[in-house]
Amino acid sequence: MIHAEKGALINSGLNREVTREEYVEFLENGKLTEILCFEETFPGDVFFIPAGRIHAIGKGILLAEIQQTSDVTYRIYDYERRDKEGKIRELHNDLALDAIQFTYLDQYKTKYEAEINKSSEIVSCPWFTTNMLRFNQKMEKDYHQLDSFVVYMNLKGRFSIEFETGKEVVEMGETVLIPASLETFTLTPLTSEVETLEIYIK
């Protein structure tokens, strides 16, 4: 989470263990939100959402989203919102039933420790790794053992990427893709501290 207004909520998963049949009953009775887990969220929070987990972003939230490429999204509830013609948007409940994870977890937030001047792992799965990189001094980066591009999503401060043939300044809110062919370079903070997400595929 980059920014969250006071009381902002995010839905991740269910708030209890339910069967497929129980889920359908809540859905058909218009009580689906009663079994969804809504948590107040704050800047710095992380939620890892595997395929099949019900999720929704509430109002007043600005977040960075990293995801595996997918062209399938099933909408199961839309708060009865209507378009300009007064029609309710299409839902995909029949298709979603075969994809939803009905398991319950005690904790949906991902815990992590962001150390200074090093890459701190937040999430790692078979498809990608996301680290938090906090630094206040120059960092020499060497990715020669990594067969992947690297993406920096800058959350705080500004920094420069210095390499053999040039230099690029990254402002807060900007995203930069480093090609796999650029294996070594230097990160230099241009403010007192920088916080950026570091993402790559495995």
N, C-alpha and C. Protein backbone atom coordinates (compact mmCIF):
# COMPACT_ATOMS: atom_id res chain seq x y z
N MET A 1 0.84 -1.18 0.00
CA MET A 1 0.00 0.00 0.00
C MET A 1 0.88 1.25 0.00
N ILE A 2 0.61 2.14 -0.94
CA ILE A 2 1.36 3.38 -1.00
C ILE A 2 0.68 4.46 -0.17
N HIS A 3 -0.64 4.52 -0.27
CA HIS A 3 -1.42 5.49 0.49
C HIS A 3 -2.77 4.88 0.83
N ALA A 4 -3.25 5.14 2.04
CA ALA A 4 -4.57 4.68 2.44
C ALA A 4 -5.20 5.72 3.35
N GLU A 5 -6.39 6.16 2.98
CA GLU A 5 -7.11 7.08 3.85
C GLU A 5 -7.54 6.36 5.12
N LYS A 6 -7.79 7.12 6.17
CA LYS A 6 -8.19 6.53 7.44
C LYS A 6 -9.45 5.68 7.25
N GLY A 7 -9.38 4.44 7.72
CA GLY A 7 -10.53 3.55 7.62
C GLY A 7 -10.64 2.82 6.29
N ALA A 8 -9.67 3.01 5.39
CA ALA A 8 -9.73 2.34 4.08
C ALA A 8 -9.63 0.83 4.26
N LEU A 9 -10.43 0.10 3.49
CA LEU A 9 -10.51 -1.35 3.63
C LEU A 9 -10.10 -2.06 2.35
N ILE A 10 -9.51 -3.23 2.54
CA ILE A 10 -9.22 -4.11 1.41
C ILE A 10 -9.78 -5.48 1.74
N ASN A 11 -10.34 -6.14 0.74
CA ASN A 11 -10.85 -7.50 0.93
C ASN A 11 -9.82 -8.48 0.38
N SER A 12 -9.45 -9.43 1.22
CA SER A 12 -8.59 -10.53 0.79
C SER A 12 -9.11 -11.80 1.44
N GLY A 13 -9.71 -12.67 0.64
CA GLY A 13 -10.17 -13.96 1.14
C GLY A 13 -11.46 -13.91 1.93
N LEU A 14 -11.68 -14.98 2.69
CA LEU A 14 -12.91 -15.17 3.46
C LEU A 14 -12.64 -14.99 4.95
N ASN A 15 -13.69 -14.64 5.69
CA ASN A 15 -13.52 -14.45 7.14
C ASN A 15 -13.88 -15.69 7.95
N ARG A 16 -14.15 -16.79 7.24
CA ARG A 16 -14.44 -18.06 7.91
C ARG A 16 -14.30 -19.18 6.88
N GLU A 17 -14.21 -20.40 7.35
CA GLU A 17 -14.17 -21.55 6.45
C GLU A 17 -15.59 -21.80 5.94
N VAL A 18 -15.75 -21.88 4.63
CA VAL A 18 -17.06 -22.18 4.06
C VAL A 18 -16.92 -23.23 2.97
N THR A 19 -17.97 -23.98 2.77
CA THR A 19 -18.00 -24.94 1.67
C THR A 19 -18.51 -24.25 0.42
N ARG A 20 -18.36 -24.90 -0.69
CA ARG A 20 -18.90 -24.37 -1.95
C ARG A 20 -20.40 -24.14 -1.82
N GLU A 21 -21.09 -25.09 -1.20
CA GLU A 21 -22.55 -24.99 -1.06
C GLU A 21 -22.94 -23.82 -0.16
N GLU A 22 -22.20 -23.62 0.93
CA GLU A 22 -22.49 -22.50 1.83
C GLU A 22 -22.23 -21.17 1.13
N TYR A 23 -21.16 -21.12 0.35
CA TYR A 23 -20.86 -19.91 -0.41
C TYR A 23 -22.02 -19.55 -1.34
N VAL A 24 -22.51 -20.54 -2.07
CA VAL A 24 -23.62 -20.31 -3.00
C VAL A 24 -24.85 -19.81 -2.26
N GLU A 25 -25.09 -20.33 -1.07
CA GLU A 25 -26.25 -19.90 -0.29
C GLU A 25 -26.13 -18.42 0.10
N PHE A 26 -24.96 -18.01 0.57
CA PHE A 26 -24.75 -16.59 0.90
C PHE A 26 -24.91 -15.73 -0.35
N LEU A 27 -24.38 -16.20 -1.47
CA LEU A 27 -24.46 -15.46 -2.72
C LEU A 27 -25.90 -15.27 -3.16
N GLU A 28 -26.66 -16.34 -3.16
CA GLU A 28 -28.05 -16.29 -3.64
C GLU A 28 -28.95 -15.48 -2.71
N ASN A 29 -28.57 -15.38 -1.44
CA ASN A 29 -29.37 -14.60 -0.49
C ASN A 29 -28.92 -13.15 -0.38
N GLY A 30 -27.98 -12.76 -1.26
CA GLY A 30 -27.51 -11.37 -1.25
C GLY A 30 -26.69 -11.01 -0.03
N LYS A 31 -26.04 -12.00 0.58
CA LYS A 31 -25.28 -11.76 1.81
C LYS A 31 -23.81 -12.12 1.65
N LEU A 32 -23.30 -12.04 0.43
CA LEU A 32 -21.93 -12.45 0.17
C LEU A 32 -20.91 -11.70 1.02
N THR A 33 -21.13 -10.40 1.21
CA THR A 33 -20.14 -9.60 1.95
C THR A 33 -20.01 -10.04 3.41
N GLU A 34 -20.99 -10.79 3.91
CA GLU A 34 -20.92 -11.25 5.30
C GLU A 34 -19.82 -12.28 5.53
N ILE A 35 -19.36 -12.94 4.47
CA ILE A 35 -18.32 -13.96 4.64
C ILE A 35 -16.98 -13.52 4.04
N LEU A 36 -16.89 -12.28 3.58
CA LEU A 36 -15.63 -11.77 3.04
C LEU A 36 -14.81 -11.11 4.13
N CYS A 37 -13.50 -11.26 4.06
CA CYS A 37 -12.60 -10.67 5.05
C CYS A 37 -12.19 -9.27 4.60
N PHE A 38 -12.64 -8.25 5.33
CA PHE A 38 -12.25 -6.87 5.06
C PHE A 38 -11.31 -6.42 6.17
N GLU A 39 -10.16 -5.89 5.78
CA GLU A 39 -9.18 -5.42 6.76
C GLU A 39 -8.84 -3.96 6.52
N GLU A 40 -8.72 -3.21 7.61
CA GLU A 40 -8.23 -1.84 7.47
C GLU A 40 -6.78 -1.91 7.04
N THR A 41 -6.40 -1.05 6.11
CA THR A 41 -5.05 -1.12 5.57
C THR A 41 -4.32 0.20 5.75
N PHE A 42 -2.99 0.10 5.77
CA PHE A 42 -2.14 1.25 6.04
C PHE A 42 -0.97 1.25 5.06
N PRO A 43 -0.35 2.41 4.82
CA PRO A 43 0.82 2.45 3.93
C PRO A 43 1.88 1.45 4.38
N GLY A 44 2.42 0.71 3.43
CA GLY A 44 3.42 -0.30 3.73
C GLY A 44 2.86 -1.70 3.82
N ASP A 45 1.53 -1.84 3.96
CA ASP A 45 0.93 -3.17 4.01
C ASP A 45 1.11 -3.90 2.69
N VAL A 46 1.22 -5.22 2.78
CA VAL A 46 1.36 -6.07 1.60
C VAL A 46 0.36 -7.22 1.70
N PHE A 47 -0.33 -7.49 0.60
CA PHE A 47 -1.22 -8.65 0.50
C PHE A 47 -0.80 -9.45 -0.72
N PHE A 48 -0.48 -10.73 -0.51
CA PHE A 48 -0.19 -11.62 -1.63
C PHE A 48 -1.48 -12.35 -1.99
N ILE A 49 -1.92 -12.19 -3.23
CA ILE A 49 -3.21 -12.73 -3.66
C ILE A 49 -2.96 -13.85 -4.68
N PRO A 50 -2.97 -15.11 -4.27
CA PRO A 50 -2.80 -16.19 -5.25
C PRO A 50 -4.05 -16.34 -6.10
N ALA A 51 -3.91 -17.02 -7.22
CA ALA A 51 -5.05 -17.26 -8.10
C ALA A 51 -6.17 -17.94 -7.32
N GLY A 52 -7.39 -17.46 -7.51
CA GLY A 52 -8.55 -18.07 -6.87
C GLY A 52 -8.99 -17.42 -5.59
N ARG A 53 -8.19 -16.49 -5.05
CA ARG A 53 -8.59 -15.83 -3.81
C ARG A 53 -9.46 -14.61 -4.12
N ILE A 54 -10.62 -14.54 -3.51
CA ILE A 54 -11.50 -13.39 -3.67
C ILE A 54 -10.79 -12.15 -3.12
N HIS A 55 -10.87 -11.05 -3.86
CA HIS A 55 -10.23 -9.83 -3.37
C HIS A 55 -10.90 -8.61 -4.00
N ALA A 56 -10.77 -7.48 -3.30
CA ALA A 56 -11.32 -6.22 -3.80
C ALA A 56 -10.61 -5.07 -3.11
N ILE A 57 -10.47 -3.97 -3.83
CA ILE A 57 -9.81 -2.77 -3.31
C ILE A 57 -10.88 -1.76 -2.94
N GLY A 58 -10.87 -1.30 -1.70
CA GLY A 58 -11.83 -0.30 -1.26
C GLY A 58 -11.43 1.10 -1.68
N LYS A 59 -12.29 2.06 -1.38
CA LYS A 59 -12.01 3.45 -1.76
C LYS A 59 -10.92 4.03 -0.87
N GLY A 60 -10.25 5.06 -1.39
CA GLY A 60 -9.24 5.76 -0.61
C GLY A 60 -7.90 5.05 -0.54
N ILE A 61 -7.63 4.16 -1.51
CA ILE A 61 -6.40 3.38 -1.50
C ILE A 61 -5.61 3.62 -2.79
N LEU A 62 -4.31 3.82 -2.64
CA LEU A 62 -3.38 3.85 -3.77
C LEU A 62 -2.38 2.74 -3.52
N LEU A 63 -2.25 1.82 -4.47
CA LEU A 63 -1.35 0.69 -4.26
C LEU A 63 -0.54 0.38 -5.51
N ALA A 64 0.53 -0.36 -5.29
CA ALA A 64 1.33 -0.90 -6.39
C ALA A 64 0.95 -2.36 -6.56
N GLU A 65 0.59 -2.74 -7.78
CA GLU A 65 0.14 -4.11 -8.03
C GLU A 65 1.11 -4.81 -8.97
N ILE A 66 1.65 -5.92 -8.50
CA ILE A 66 2.53 -6.76 -9.33
C ILE A 66 1.80 -8.07 -9.54
N GLN A 67 1.66 -8.49 -10.79
CA GLN A 67 0.92 -9.72 -11.03
C GLN A 67 1.47 -10.49 -12.21
N GLN A 68 1.22 -11.80 -12.16
CA GLN A 68 1.51 -12.66 -13.29
C GLN A 68 0.56 -12.29 -14.42
N THR A 69 1.04 -12.33 -15.65
CA THR A 69 0.19 -12.01 -16.79
C THR A 69 -1.04 -12.91 -16.82
N SER A 70 -2.22 -12.30 -16.92
CA SER A 70 -3.47 -13.06 -16.96
C SER A 70 -4.52 -12.24 -17.69
N ASP A 71 -5.36 -12.91 -18.46
CA ASP A 71 -6.44 -12.21 -19.14
C ASP A 71 -7.80 -12.68 -18.65
N VAL A 72 -7.83 -13.27 -17.43
CA VAL A 72 -9.07 -13.78 -16.88
C VAL A 72 -9.34 -13.14 -15.52
N THR A 73 -10.46 -12.44 -15.41
CA THR A 73 -10.92 -11.90 -14.14
C THR A 73 -12.42 -12.17 -14.03
N TYR A 74 -12.83 -12.78 -12.92
CA TYR A 74 -14.24 -13.06 -12.70
C TYR A 74 -14.81 -12.08 -11.68
N ARG A 75 -15.85 -11.37 -12.06
CA ARG A 75 -16.51 -10.43 -11.16
C ARG A 75 -17.67 -11.16 -10.48
N ILE A 76 -17.63 -11.23 -9.13
CA ILE A 76 -18.66 -11.98 -8.41
C ILE A 76 -19.63 -11.07 -7.66
N TYR A 77 -19.24 -9.80 -7.47
CA TYR A 77 -20.11 -8.87 -6.75
C TYR A 77 -19.70 -7.46 -7.15
N ASP A 78 -20.67 -6.58 -7.33
CA ASP A 78 -20.36 -5.23 -7.80
C ASP A 78 -21.10 -4.16 -7.02
N TYR A 79 -21.45 -4.48 -5.77
CA TYR A 79 -22.10 -3.51 -4.88
C TYR A 79 -23.35 -2.90 -5.50
N GLU A 80 -23.96 -3.66 -6.43
CA GLU A 80 -25.20 -3.24 -7.10
C GLU A 80 -25.06 -1.91 -7.83
N ARG A 81 -23.82 -1.61 -8.25
CA ARG A 81 -23.60 -0.39 -9.02
C ARG A 81 -24.20 -0.55 -10.42
N ARG A 82 -24.61 0.57 -10.99
CA ARG A 82 -25.23 0.55 -12.32
C ARG A 82 -24.49 1.49 -13.26
N ASP A 83 -24.53 1.15 -14.55
CA ASP A 83 -23.89 2.01 -15.54
C ASP A 83 -24.81 3.17 -15.88
N LYS A 84 -24.39 4.00 -16.85
CA LYS A 84 -25.17 5.20 -17.18
C LYS A 84 -26.54 4.88 -17.75
N GLU A 85 -26.73 3.63 -18.18
CA GLU A 85 -28.03 3.22 -18.69
C GLU A 85 -28.87 2.52 -17.62
N GLY A 86 -28.35 2.49 -16.40
CA GLY A 86 -29.09 1.89 -15.30
C GLY A 86 -28.97 0.39 -15.20
N LYS A 87 -28.04 -0.19 -15.96
CA LYS A 87 -27.89 -1.64 -15.97
C LYS A 87 -26.77 -2.06 -15.01
N ILE A 88 -26.99 -3.20 -14.35
CA ILE A 88 -25.96 -3.77 -13.48
C ILE A 88 -24.91 -4.47 -14.35
N ARG A 89 -23.64 -4.28 -14.01
CA ARG A 89 -22.58 -4.89 -14.80
C ARG A 89 -22.65 -6.42 -14.73
N GLU A 90 -22.16 -7.05 -15.78
CA GLU A 90 -22.20 -8.51 -15.87
C GLU A 90 -21.36 -9.14 -14.76
N LEU A 91 -21.90 -10.18 -14.15
CA LEU A 91 -21.18 -10.96 -13.16
C LEU A 91 -20.84 -12.33 -13.75
N HIS A 92 -19.87 -13.00 -13.13
CA HIS A 92 -19.38 -14.27 -13.68
C HIS A 92 -19.39 -15.36 -12.61
N ASN A 93 -20.49 -15.45 -11.87
CA ASN A 93 -20.52 -16.34 -10.71
C ASN A 93 -20.42 -17.82 -11.07
N ASP A 94 -21.02 -18.24 -12.16
CA ASP A 94 -20.94 -19.66 -12.54
C ASP A 94 -19.50 -20.06 -12.83
N LEU A 95 -18.80 -19.23 -13.57
CA LEU A 95 -17.40 -19.52 -13.90
C LEU A 95 -16.51 -19.42 -12.66
N ALA A 96 -16.81 -18.45 -11.81
CA ALA A 96 -15.97 -18.22 -10.63
C ALA A 96 -16.00 -19.38 -9.65
N LEU A 97 -17.12 -20.09 -9.58
CA LEU A 97 -17.25 -21.18 -8.61
C LEU A 97 -16.17 -22.24 -8.77
N ASP A 98 -15.73 -22.45 -10.00
CA ASP A 98 -14.70 -23.47 -10.25
C ASP A 98 -13.29 -22.95 -9.99
N ALA A 99 -13.17 -21.65 -9.72
CA ALA A 99 -11.84 -21.06 -9.53
C ALA A 99 -11.58 -20.60 -8.10
N ILE A 100 -12.64 -20.35 -7.34
CA ILE A 100 -12.49 -19.75 -6.01
C ILE A 100 -11.84 -20.72 -5.02
N GLN A 101 -10.92 -20.18 -4.22
CA GLN A 101 -10.38 -20.90 -3.06
C GLN A 101 -11.31 -20.66 -1.88
N PHE A 102 -11.86 -21.71 -1.31
CA PHE A 102 -12.78 -21.56 -0.19
C PHE A 102 -12.09 -21.71 1.16
N THR A 103 -10.77 -21.79 1.16
CA THR A 103 -10.03 -21.94 2.41
C THR A 103 -9.97 -20.61 3.16
N TYR A 104 -9.82 -20.72 4.48
CA TYR A 104 -9.76 -19.54 5.35
C TYR A 104 -8.38 -19.46 5.99
N LEU A 105 -7.83 -18.25 6.08
CA LEU A 105 -6.56 -18.02 6.76
C LEU A 105 -6.76 -17.08 7.93
N ASP A 106 -5.99 -17.30 8.99
CA ASP A 106 -6.05 -16.39 10.14
C ASP A 106 -5.48 -15.02 9.80
N GLN A 107 -4.52 -14.99 8.88
CA GLN A 107 -3.84 -13.74 8.54
C GLN A 107 -3.62 -13.68 7.03
N TYR A 108 -4.08 -12.59 6.42
CA TYR A 108 -3.91 -12.43 4.97
C TYR A 108 -2.81 -11.42 4.63
N LYS A 109 -2.45 -10.57 5.58
CA LYS A 109 -1.36 -9.64 5.33
C LYS A 109 -0.03 -10.39 5.32
N THR A 110 0.88 -9.93 4.46
CA THR A 110 2.21 -10.52 4.38
C THR A 110 3.16 -9.72 5.28
N LYS A 111 3.80 -10.41 6.20
CA LYS A 111 4.74 -9.74 7.10
C LYS A 111 6.13 -9.74 6.48
N TYR A 112 6.84 -8.63 6.66
CA TYR A 112 8.20 -8.53 6.14
C TYR A 112 8.96 -7.48 6.94
N GLU A 113 10.28 -7.55 6.89
CA GLU A 113 11.14 -6.57 7.53
C GLU A 113 11.97 -5.89 6.44
N ALA A 114 11.86 -4.58 6.33
CA ALA A 114 12.61 -3.84 5.31
C ALA A 114 13.87 -3.26 5.92
N GLU A 115 15.00 -3.90 5.67
CA GLU A 115 16.28 -3.42 6.19
C GLU A 115 16.84 -2.34 5.28
N ILE A 116 17.71 -1.52 5.83
CA ILE A 116 18.28 -0.41 5.07
C ILE A 116 19.48 -0.89 4.26
N ASN A 117 19.61 -0.36 3.06
CA ASN A 117 20.74 -0.61 2.17
C ASN A 117 20.91 -2.08 1.79
N LYS A 118 19.79 -2.76 1.62
CA LYS A 118 19.81 -4.12 1.10
C LYS A 118 18.43 -4.46 0.55
N SER A 119 18.38 -5.48 -0.30
CA SER A 119 17.10 -5.95 -0.84
C SER A 119 16.46 -6.87 0.18
N SER A 120 15.24 -6.53 0.62
CA SER A 120 14.52 -7.32 1.61
C SER A 120 13.33 -7.99 0.93
N GLU A 121 13.32 -9.31 0.95
CA GLU A 121 12.26 -10.04 0.24
C GLU A 121 10.90 -9.82 0.90
N ILE A 122 9.92 -9.50 0.07
CA ILE A 122 8.54 -9.37 0.52
C ILE A 122 7.75 -10.61 0.13
N VAL A 123 7.79 -10.94 -1.16
CA VAL A 123 7.06 -12.09 -1.69
C VAL A 123 7.93 -12.79 -2.72
N SER A 124 7.95 -14.11 -2.67
CA SER A 124 8.61 -14.89 -3.72
C SER A 124 7.73 -16.09 -4.03
N CYS A 125 7.41 -16.26 -5.30
CA CYS A 125 6.58 -17.37 -5.75
C CYS A 125 7.20 -17.92 -7.03
N PRO A 126 6.66 -18.98 -7.60
CA PRO A 126 7.29 -19.56 -8.79
C PRO A 126 7.36 -18.62 -9.99
N TRP A 127 6.58 -17.52 -9.98
CA TRP A 127 6.51 -16.67 -11.16
C TRP A 127 7.27 -15.36 -11.01
N PHE A 128 7.40 -14.84 -9.81
CA PHE A 128 8.13 -13.58 -9.64
C PHE A 128 8.56 -13.41 -8.19
N THR A 129 9.51 -12.51 -8.00
CA THR A 129 9.97 -12.12 -6.66
C THR A 129 9.83 -10.61 -6.54
N THR A 130 9.35 -10.16 -5.39
CA THR A 130 9.25 -8.73 -5.10
C THR A 130 10.01 -8.43 -3.82
N ASN A 131 10.94 -7.50 -3.90
CA ASN A 131 11.73 -7.06 -2.75
C ASN A 131 11.44 -5.60 -2.45
N MET A 132 11.62 -5.22 -1.18
CA MET A 132 11.65 -3.81 -0.82
C MET A 132 13.12 -3.39 -0.74
N LEU A 133 13.44 -2.33 -1.43
CA LEU A 133 14.82 -1.82 -1.42
C LEU A 133 14.81 -0.42 -0.82
N ARG A 134 15.30 -0.32 0.42
CA ARG A 134 15.46 0.97 1.10
C ARG A 134 16.94 1.30 1.14
N PHE A 135 17.30 2.49 0.69
CA PHE A 135 18.72 2.83 0.74
C PHE A 135 18.94 4.33 0.90
N ASN A 136 20.05 4.66 1.56
CA ASN A 136 20.44 6.06 1.76
C ASN A 136 21.91 6.27 1.39
N GLN A 137 22.46 5.30 0.68
CA GLN A 137 23.83 5.42 0.18
C GLN A 137 23.93 4.68 -1.15
N LYS A 138 25.02 4.89 -1.86
CA LYS A 138 25.19 4.24 -3.15
C LYS A 138 25.14 2.72 -3.00
N MET A 139 24.52 2.07 -4.00
CA MET A 139 24.46 0.61 -4.00
C MET A 139 24.91 0.10 -5.36
N GLU A 140 25.86 -0.82 -5.35
CA GLU A 140 26.32 -1.46 -6.57
C GLU A 140 25.47 -2.71 -6.80
N LYS A 141 24.79 -2.77 -7.93
CA LYS A 141 23.91 -3.90 -8.22
C LYS A 141 24.53 -4.78 -9.30
N ASP A 142 24.49 -6.08 -9.06
CA ASP A 142 25.05 -7.06 -10.00
C ASP A 142 24.03 -8.18 -10.18
N TYR A 143 23.44 -8.25 -11.36
CA TYR A 143 22.40 -9.23 -11.64
C TYR A 143 22.86 -10.28 -12.66
N HIS A 144 24.17 -10.52 -12.76
CA HIS A 144 24.65 -11.41 -13.81
C HIS A 144 24.17 -12.85 -13.62
N GLN A 145 23.78 -13.23 -12.39
CA GLN A 145 23.28 -14.58 -12.15
C GLN A 145 21.76 -14.67 -12.33
N LEU A 146 21.14 -13.56 -12.65
CA LEU A 146 19.68 -13.52 -12.78
C LEU A 146 19.30 -13.45 -14.26
N ASP A 147 18.57 -14.42 -14.74
CA ASP A 147 18.15 -14.45 -16.14
C ASP A 147 16.78 -13.78 -16.27
N SER A 148 16.75 -12.47 -16.02
CA SER A 148 15.48 -11.74 -16.02
C SER A 148 15.74 -10.25 -16.13
N PHE A 149 14.75 -9.54 -16.64
CA PHE A 149 14.73 -8.09 -16.49
C PHE A 149 14.51 -7.78 -15.01
N VAL A 150 14.71 -6.52 -14.63
CA VAL A 150 14.42 -6.05 -13.27
C VAL A 150 13.57 -4.80 -13.38
N VAL A 151 12.53 -4.73 -12.58
CA VAL A 151 11.66 -3.55 -12.55
C VAL A 151 11.81 -2.85 -11.21
N TYR A 152 11.98 -1.52 -11.25
CA TYR A 152 11.95 -0.71 -10.05
C TYR A 152 10.69 0.14 -10.08
N MET A 153 9.89 0.05 -9.01
CA MET A 153 8.71 0.91 -8.84
C MET A 153 9.02 1.81 -7.66
N ASN A 154 9.25 3.09 -7.92
CA ASN A 154 9.76 3.98 -6.89
C ASN A 154 8.64 4.56 -6.03
N LEU A 155 8.68 4.27 -4.73
CA LEU A 155 7.63 4.67 -3.80
C LEU A 155 7.94 5.93 -3.03
N LYS A 156 9.23 6.21 -2.83
CA LYS A 156 9.61 7.36 -1.99
C LYS A 156 10.98 7.87 -2.41
N GLY A 157 11.11 9.20 -2.49
CA GLY A 157 12.39 9.80 -2.83
C GLY A 157 12.69 9.73 -4.32
N ARG A 158 13.92 10.02 -4.67
CA ARG A 158 14.37 9.93 -6.06
C ARG A 158 15.79 9.41 -6.09
N PHE A 159 16.15 8.74 -7.16
CA PHE A 159 17.49 8.16 -7.26
C PHE A 159 17.91 8.10 -8.72
N SER A 160 19.19 7.85 -8.92
CA SER A 160 19.69 7.70 -10.28
C SER A 160 20.21 6.29 -10.48
N ILE A 161 20.10 5.84 -11.72
CA ILE A 161 20.68 4.57 -12.15
C ILE A 161 21.83 4.92 -13.08
N GLU A 162 23.04 4.57 -12.67
CA GLU A 162 24.23 4.94 -13.44
C GLU A 162 24.87 3.68 -14.02
N PHE A 163 25.05 3.68 -15.33
CA PHE A 163 25.62 2.52 -16.01
C PHE A 163 26.69 3.01 -16.99
N GLU A 164 27.34 2.08 -17.64
CA GLU A 164 28.53 2.41 -18.44
C GLU A 164 28.26 3.46 -19.50
N THR A 165 27.09 3.41 -20.11
CA THR A 165 26.82 4.32 -21.24
C THR A 165 25.86 5.45 -20.91
N GLY A 166 25.49 5.60 -19.64
CA GLY A 166 24.57 6.68 -19.34
C GLY A 166 24.07 6.71 -17.91
N LYS A 167 23.01 7.49 -17.72
CA LYS A 167 22.45 7.70 -16.39
C LYS A 167 20.96 8.02 -16.54
N GLU A 168 20.15 7.49 -15.63
CA GLU A 168 18.71 7.73 -15.65
C GLU A 168 18.26 8.12 -14.25
N VAL A 169 17.51 9.22 -14.14
CA VAL A 169 16.98 9.64 -12.84
C VAL A 169 15.55 9.13 -12.71
N VAL A 170 15.24 8.54 -11.56
CA VAL A 170 13.92 7.96 -11.31
C VAL A 170 13.23 8.78 -10.22
N GLU A 171 12.10 9.38 -10.56
CA GLU A 171 11.34 10.19 -9.62
C GLU A 171 10.35 9.33 -8.85
N MET A 172 9.85 9.85 -7.73
CA MET A 172 8.82 9.14 -6.97
C MET A 172 7.60 8.91 -7.85
N GLY A 173 7.08 7.69 -7.83
CA GLY A 173 5.92 7.35 -8.63
C GLY A 173 6.25 6.78 -10.00
N GLU A 174 7.51 6.83 -10.38
CA GLU A 174 7.90 6.30 -11.68
C GLU A 174 8.31 4.83 -11.60
N THR A 175 8.15 4.14 -12.72
CA THR A 175 8.56 2.74 -12.85
C THR A 175 9.56 2.62 -13.98
N VAL A 176 10.62 1.85 -13.73
CA VAL A 176 11.68 1.68 -14.72
C VAL A 176 11.92 0.19 -14.93
N LEU A 177 12.06 -0.22 -16.18
CA LEU A 177 12.40 -1.60 -16.51
C LEU A 177 13.85 -1.66 -16.96
N ILE A 178 14.64 -2.47 -16.25
CA ILE A 178 16.05 -2.67 -16.59
C ILE A 178 16.15 -3.94 -17.42
N PRO A 179 16.63 -3.87 -18.66
CA PRO A 179 16.71 -5.09 -19.48
C PRO A 179 17.72 -6.08 -18.91
N ALA A 180 17.50 -7.36 -19.20
CA ALA A 180 18.39 -8.41 -18.69
C ALA A 180 19.83 -8.22 -19.17
N SER A 181 20.00 -7.53 -20.29
CA SER A 181 21.35 -7.32 -20.83
C SER A 181 22.18 -6.34 -20.00
N LEU A 182 21.51 -5.53 -19.17
CA LEU A 182 22.22 -4.58 -18.30
C LEU A 182 22.37 -5.24 -16.92
N GLU A 183 23.52 -5.87 -16.71
CA GLU A 183 23.69 -6.71 -15.52
C GLU A 183 24.26 -5.97 -14.32
N THR A 184 25.03 -4.92 -14.56
CA THR A 184 25.65 -4.19 -13.45
C THR A 184 25.42 -2.69 -13.61
N PHE A 185 25.14 -2.03 -12.49
CA PHE A 185 24.96 -0.58 -12.48
C PHE A 185 24.97 -0.10 -11.04
N THR A 186 24.91 1.21 -10.86
CA THR A 186 24.95 1.82 -9.53
C THR A 186 23.66 2.59 -9.27
N LEU A 187 23.09 2.38 -8.08
CA LEU A 187 21.95 3.17 -7.63
C LEU A 187 22.46 4.23 -6.66
N THR A 188 22.12 5.49 -6.94
CA THR A 188 22.56 6.60 -6.08
C THR A 188 21.36 7.37 -5.58
N PRO A 189 21.15 7.46 -4.26
CA PRO A 189 20.02 8.24 -3.74
C PRO A 189 20.24 9.73 -3.98
N LEU A 190 19.19 10.41 -4.41
CA LEU A 190 19.24 11.86 -4.61
C LEU A 190 18.42 12.59 -3.56
N THR A 191 17.85 11.83 -2.63
CA THR A 191 17.17 12.36 -1.45
C THR A 191 17.71 11.62 -0.23
N SER A 192 17.29 12.02 0.95
CA SER A 192 17.85 11.44 2.17
C SER A 192 17.63 9.93 2.26
N GLU A 193 16.52 9.45 1.72
CA GLU A 193 16.25 8.01 1.71
C GLU A 193 15.34 7.68 0.54
N VAL A 194 15.52 6.49 0.01
CA VAL A 194 14.71 6.01 -1.12
C VAL A 194 14.06 4.69 -0.73
N GLU A 195 12.81 4.53 -1.14
CA GLU A 195 12.12 3.25 -1.01
C GLU A 195 11.59 2.87 -2.38
N THR A 196 12.03 1.74 -2.89
CA THR A 196 11.58 1.29 -4.21
C THR A 196 11.34 -0.21 -4.19
N LEU A 197 10.36 -0.65 -4.94
CA LEU A 197 10.14 -2.08 -5.11
C LEU A 197 11.06 -2.59 -6.20
N GLU A 198 11.61 -3.77 -5.98
CA GLU A 198 12.51 -4.43 -6.92
C GLU A 198 11.84 -5.75 -7.32
N ILE A 199 11.52 -5.89 -8.61
CA ILE A 199 10.75 -7.04 -9.06
C ILE A 199 11.47 -7.73 -10.22
N TYR A 200 11.48 -9.05 -10.19
CA TYR A 200 12.04 -9.81 -11.31
C TYR A 200 11.38 -11.18 -11.36
N ILE A 201 11.51 -11.84 -12.51
CA ILE A 201 10.95 -13.18 -12.65
C ILE A 201 12.04 -14.20 -12.41
N LYS A 202 11.62 -15.42 -12.09
CA LYS A 202 12.59 -16.47 -11.77
C LYS A 202 12.94 -17.26 -13.02
